[in-house]
Amino acid sequence: QVQLVESGGGLVQAGGSLRLSCVASGIIAGTGVMGWYRQAPGTERELVAGITTGGRTNYADSMKGRVTISRDNAKSTVYLQMNSLKPEDTAVYYCYAAVLSGAPRSTWSDNWGQGTQVTVSS
């Protein structure tokens, strides 16, 4: 069974920075696309940023220029560096990863973390 564990959320003032981390654990043969989503109260979950195994990235328009996604394939870890945070960035941030896991035969699965709260005060 694969688990994604996020860390790094918290309370920050507008204009501040946070770095989120997400580690995948379990019997992992490989990871595919990894990414970060967020969900504010009363809204749908939305993509913040994604990154392929080869390092190709995509960002939500609202976050471009303020966030950087990166990954360490050897550690099955994805990071999200967020700068110039705004109050409207307040949300629960979720890690996502496509993971190849299992034994004796590995299969691909979609996996989500439990979420980490990011609160930006004005």
C-alpha atoms as a PDB file:
ATOM      1  CA  GLN A   1       0.000   0.000   0.000  1.00  0.00           C
ATOM      2  CA  VAL A   2       1.282   3.421  -0.983  1.00  0.00           C
ATOM      3  CA  GLN A   3       1.098   6.398   1.337  1.00  0.00           C
ATOM      4  CA  LEU A   4       1.767  10.044   0.560  1.00  0.00           C
ATOM      5  CA  VAL A   5       2.735  12.190   3.523  1.00  0.00           C
ATOM      6  CA  GLU A   6       2.802  15.969   3.170  1.00  0.00           C
ATOM      7  CA  SER A   7       4.559  18.487   5.371  1.00  0.00           C
ATOM      8  CA  GLY A   8       5.434  22.171   5.388  1.00  0.00           C
ATOM      9  CA  GLY A   9       2.059  23.855   5.601  1.00  0.00           C
ATOM     10  CA  GLY A  10       1.241  26.511   8.145  1.00  0.00           C
ATOM     11  CA  LEU A  11       0.379  30.135   8.767  1.00  0.00           C
ATOM     12  CA  VAL A  12       2.267  32.836   6.914  1.00  0.00           C
ATOM     13  CA  GLN A  13       1.783  36.538   6.303  1.00  0.00           C
ATOM     14  CA  ALA A  14       0.971  37.860   2.847  1.00  0.00           C
ATOM     15  CA  GLY A  15       4.139  38.133   0.813  1.00  0.00           C
ATOM     16  CA  GLY A  16       5.759  35.279   2.687  1.00  0.00           C
ATOM     17  CA  SER A  17       6.978  31.880   1.528  1.00  0.00           C
ATOM     18  CA  LEU A  18       6.368  28.243   2.320  1.00  0.00           C
ATOM     19  CA  ARG A  19       7.894  25.027   1.041  1.00  0.00           C
ATOM     20  CA  LEU A  20       5.712  21.940   0.932  1.00  0.00           C
ATOM     21  CA  SER A  21       7.115  18.437   0.765  1.00  0.00           C
ATOM     22  CA  CYS A  22       5.453  15.120  -0.026  1.00  0.00           C
ATOM     23  CA  VAL A  23       7.051  11.709   0.370  1.00  0.00           C
ATOM     24  CA  ALA A  24       5.658   8.518  -1.128  1.00  0.00           C
ATOM     25  CA  SER A  25       6.247   5.359   0.869  1.00  0.00           C
ATOM     26  CA  GLY A  26       5.464   1.698   0.415  1.00  0.00           C
ATOM     27  CA  ILE A  27       6.621  -0.955  -2.031  1.00  0.00           C
ATOM     28  CA  ILE A  28       7.356   1.517  -4.820  1.00  0.00           C
ATOM     29  CA  ALA A  29       8.794   0.460  -8.149  1.00  0.00           C
ATOM     30  CA  GLY A  30       8.545   3.913  -9.643  1.00  0.00           C
ATOM     31  CA  THR A  31       6.620   7.160  -9.735  1.00  0.00           C
ATOM     32  CA  GLY A  32       5.001   8.874 -12.672  1.00  0.00           C
ATOM     33  CA  VAL A  33       3.415  12.287 -12.670  1.00  0.00           C
ATOM     34  CA  MET A  34       3.457  14.052  -9.313  1.00  0.00           C
ATOM     35  CA  GLY A  35       1.723  17.255  -8.417  1.00  0.00           C
ATOM     36  CA  TRP A  36       0.037  19.576  -5.998  1.00  0.00           C
ATOM     37  CA  TYR A  37      -3.619  20.513  -5.867  1.00  0.00           C
ATOM     38  CA  ARG A  38      -5.481  22.779  -3.507  1.00  0.00           C
ATOM     39  CA  GLN A  39      -9.009  23.187  -2.261  1.00  0.00           C
ATOM     40  CA  ALA A  40     -10.439  26.196  -0.478  1.00  0.00           C
ATOM     41  CA  PRO A  41     -13.746  25.990   1.419  1.00  0.00           C
ATOM     42  CA  GLY A  42     -16.701  25.907  -0.943  1.00  0.00           C
ATOM     43  CA  THR A  43     -14.579  25.374  -4.033  1.00  0.00           C
ATOM     44  CA  GLU A  44     -13.477  22.431  -6.135  1.00  0.00           C
ATOM     45  CA  ARG A  45     -10.023  20.958  -5.923  1.00  0.00           C
ATOM     46  CA  GLU A  46      -7.756  22.612  -8.471  1.00  0.00           C
ATOM     47  CA  LEU A  47      -4.329  21.944  -9.892  1.00  0.00           C
ATOM     48  CA  VAL A  48      -1.502  24.097  -8.600  1.00  0.00           C
ATOM     49  CA  ALA A  49       1.444  22.461 -10.346  1.00  0.00           C
ATOM     50  CA  GLY A  50       2.492  19.160 -11.864  1.00  0.00           C
ATOM     51  CA  ILE A  51       5.778  17.555 -12.831  1.00  0.00           C
ATOM     52  CA  THR A  52       6.615  14.501 -14.937  1.00  0.00           C
ATOM     53  CA  THR A  53       9.300  11.947 -14.182  1.00  0.00           C
ATOM     54  CA  GLY A  54      11.530  13.718 -16.664  1.00  0.00           C
ATOM     55  CA  GLY A  55      11.036  17.077 -14.992  1.00  0.00           C
ATOM     56  CA  ARG A  56       8.568  18.743 -17.339  1.00  0.00           C
ATOM     57  CA  THR A  57       6.354  21.090 -15.352  1.00  0.00           C
ATOM     58  CA  ASN A  58       3.039  22.859 -15.679  1.00  0.00           C
ATOM     59  CA  TYR A  59       1.498  25.494 -13.460  1.00  0.00           C
ATOM     60  CA  ALA A  60      -1.888  27.022 -12.834  1.00  0.00           C
ATOM     61  CA  ASP A  61      -2.065  30.492 -14.338  1.00  0.00           C
ATOM     62  CA  SER A  62      -2.836  31.975 -10.919  1.00  0.00           C
ATOM     63  CA  MET A  63       0.402  30.567  -9.515  1.00  0.00           C
ATOM     64  CA  LYS A  64       2.855  31.087 -12.382  1.00  0.00           C
ATOM     65  CA  GLY A  65       5.908  33.041 -11.337  1.00  0.00           C
ATOM     66  CA  ARG A  66       5.189  32.478  -7.643  1.00  0.00           C
ATOM     67  CA  VAL A  67       5.615  28.714  -7.271  1.00  0.00           C
ATOM     68  CA  THR A  68       8.187  26.150  -8.311  1.00  0.00           C
ATOM     69  CA  ILE A  69       7.597  22.416  -8.312  1.00  0.00           C
ATOM     70  CA  SER A  70      10.496  19.985  -8.162  1.00  0.00           C
ATOM     71  CA  ARG A  71      11.054  16.327  -7.404  1.00  0.00           C
ATOM     72  CA  ASP A  72      13.648  13.861  -6.235  1.00  0.00           C
ATOM     73  CA  ASN A  73      12.935  10.577  -7.986  1.00  0.00           C
ATOM     74  CA  ALA A  74      15.384   8.623  -5.837  1.00  0.00           C
ATOM     75  CA  LYS A  75      13.461   9.716  -2.737  1.00  0.00           C
ATOM     76  CA  SER A  76       9.972   9.534  -4.302  1.00  0.00           C
ATOM     77  CA  THR A  77       9.491  13.090  -3.099  1.00  0.00           C
ATOM     78  CA  VAL A  78       7.894  16.154  -4.632  1.00  0.00           C
ATOM     79  CA  TYR A  79       8.304  19.723  -3.416  1.00  0.00           C
ATOM     80  CA  LEU A  80       6.394  22.949  -3.891  1.00  0.00           C
ATOM     81  CA  GLN A  81       8.160  26.223  -3.197  1.00  0.00           C
ATOM     82  CA  MET A  82       5.602  29.027  -2.849  1.00  0.00           C
ATOM     83  CA  ASN A  83       6.620  32.676  -2.751  1.00  0.00           C
ATOM     84  CA  SER A  84       4.768  35.989  -2.620  1.00  0.00           C
ATOM     85  CA  LEU A  85       1.806  34.254  -1.041  1.00  0.00           C
ATOM     86  CA  LYS A  86      -1.569  35.975  -1.054  1.00  0.00           C
ATOM     87  CA  PRO A  87      -4.597  35.552   1.222  1.00  0.00           C
ATOM     88  CA  GLU A  88      -6.438  33.935  -1.698  1.00  0.00           C
ATOM     89  CA  ASP A  89      -3.843  31.147  -1.671  1.00  0.00           C
ATOM     90  CA  THR A  90      -5.333  29.954   1.615  1.00  0.00           C
ATOM     91  CA  ALA A  91      -6.456  26.360   1.130  1.00  0.00           C
ATOM     92  CA  VAL A  92      -5.733  22.751   1.940  1.00  0.00           C
ATOM     93  CA  TYR A  93      -2.934  21.611  -0.346  1.00  0.00           C
ATOM     94  CA  TYR A  94      -2.936  17.998  -1.510  1.00  0.00           C
ATOM     95  CA  CYS A  95      -0.105  15.982  -2.968  1.00  0.00           C
ATOM     96  CA  TYR A  96      -0.815  13.648  -5.879  1.00  0.00           C
ATOM     97  CA  ALA A  97       1.343  10.899  -7.333  1.00  0.00           C
ATOM     98  CA  ALA A  98       0.939   8.174  -9.900  1.00  0.00           C
ATOM     99  CA  VAL A  99       2.834   5.277  -8.375  1.00  0.00           C
ATOM    100  CA  LEU A 100       3.961   1.913  -9.695  1.00  0.00           C
ATOM    101  CA  SER A 101       3.848  -0.409  -6.728  1.00  0.00           C
ATOM    102  CA  GLY A 102       3.093  -3.838  -5.403  1.00  0.00           C
ATOM    103  CA  ALA A 103       4.632  -7.254  -5.446  1.00  0.00           C
ATOM    104  CA  PRO A 104       5.101  -9.702  -7.076  1.00  0.00           C
ATOM    105  CA  ARG A 105       3.428  -7.775  -9.938  1.00  0.00           C
ATOM    106  CA  SER A 106       3.516  -3.987  -9.898  1.00  0.00           C
ATOM    107  CA  THR A 107       0.577  -1.899 -11.040  1.00  0.00           C
ATOM    108  CA  TRP A 108      -0.049   1.823 -11.444  1.00  0.00           C
ATOM    109  CA  SER A 109      -2.327   3.637  -9.019  1.00  0.00           C
ATOM    110  CA  ASP A 110      -3.446   7.192  -8.305  1.00  0.00           C
ATOM    111  CA  ASN A 111      -2.566   8.337  -4.823  1.00  0.00           C
ATOM    112  CA  TRP A 112      -3.411  11.372  -2.703  1.00  0.00           C
ATOM    113  CA  GLY A 113      -1.993  12.737   0.499  1.00  0.00           C
ATOM    114  CA  GLN A 114      -4.122  13.709   3.464  1.00  0.00           C
ATOM    115  CA  GLY A 115      -3.660  17.421   2.806  1.00  0.00           C
ATOM    116  CA  THR A 116      -1.794  20.185   4.578  1.00  0.00           C
ATOM    117  CA  GLN A 117      -3.359  23.515   5.526  1.00  0.00           C
ATOM    118  CA  VAL A 118      -1.838  26.706   4.174  1.00  0.00           C
ATOM    119  CA  THR A 119      -3.205  29.924   5.657  1.00  0.00           C
ATOM    120  CA  VAL A 120      -2.065  33.321   4.415  1.00  0.00           C
ATOM    121  CA  SER A 121      -2.983  36.282   6.579  1.00  0.00           C
ATOM    122  CA  SER A 122      -3.380  39.791   5.221  1.00  0.00           C
END
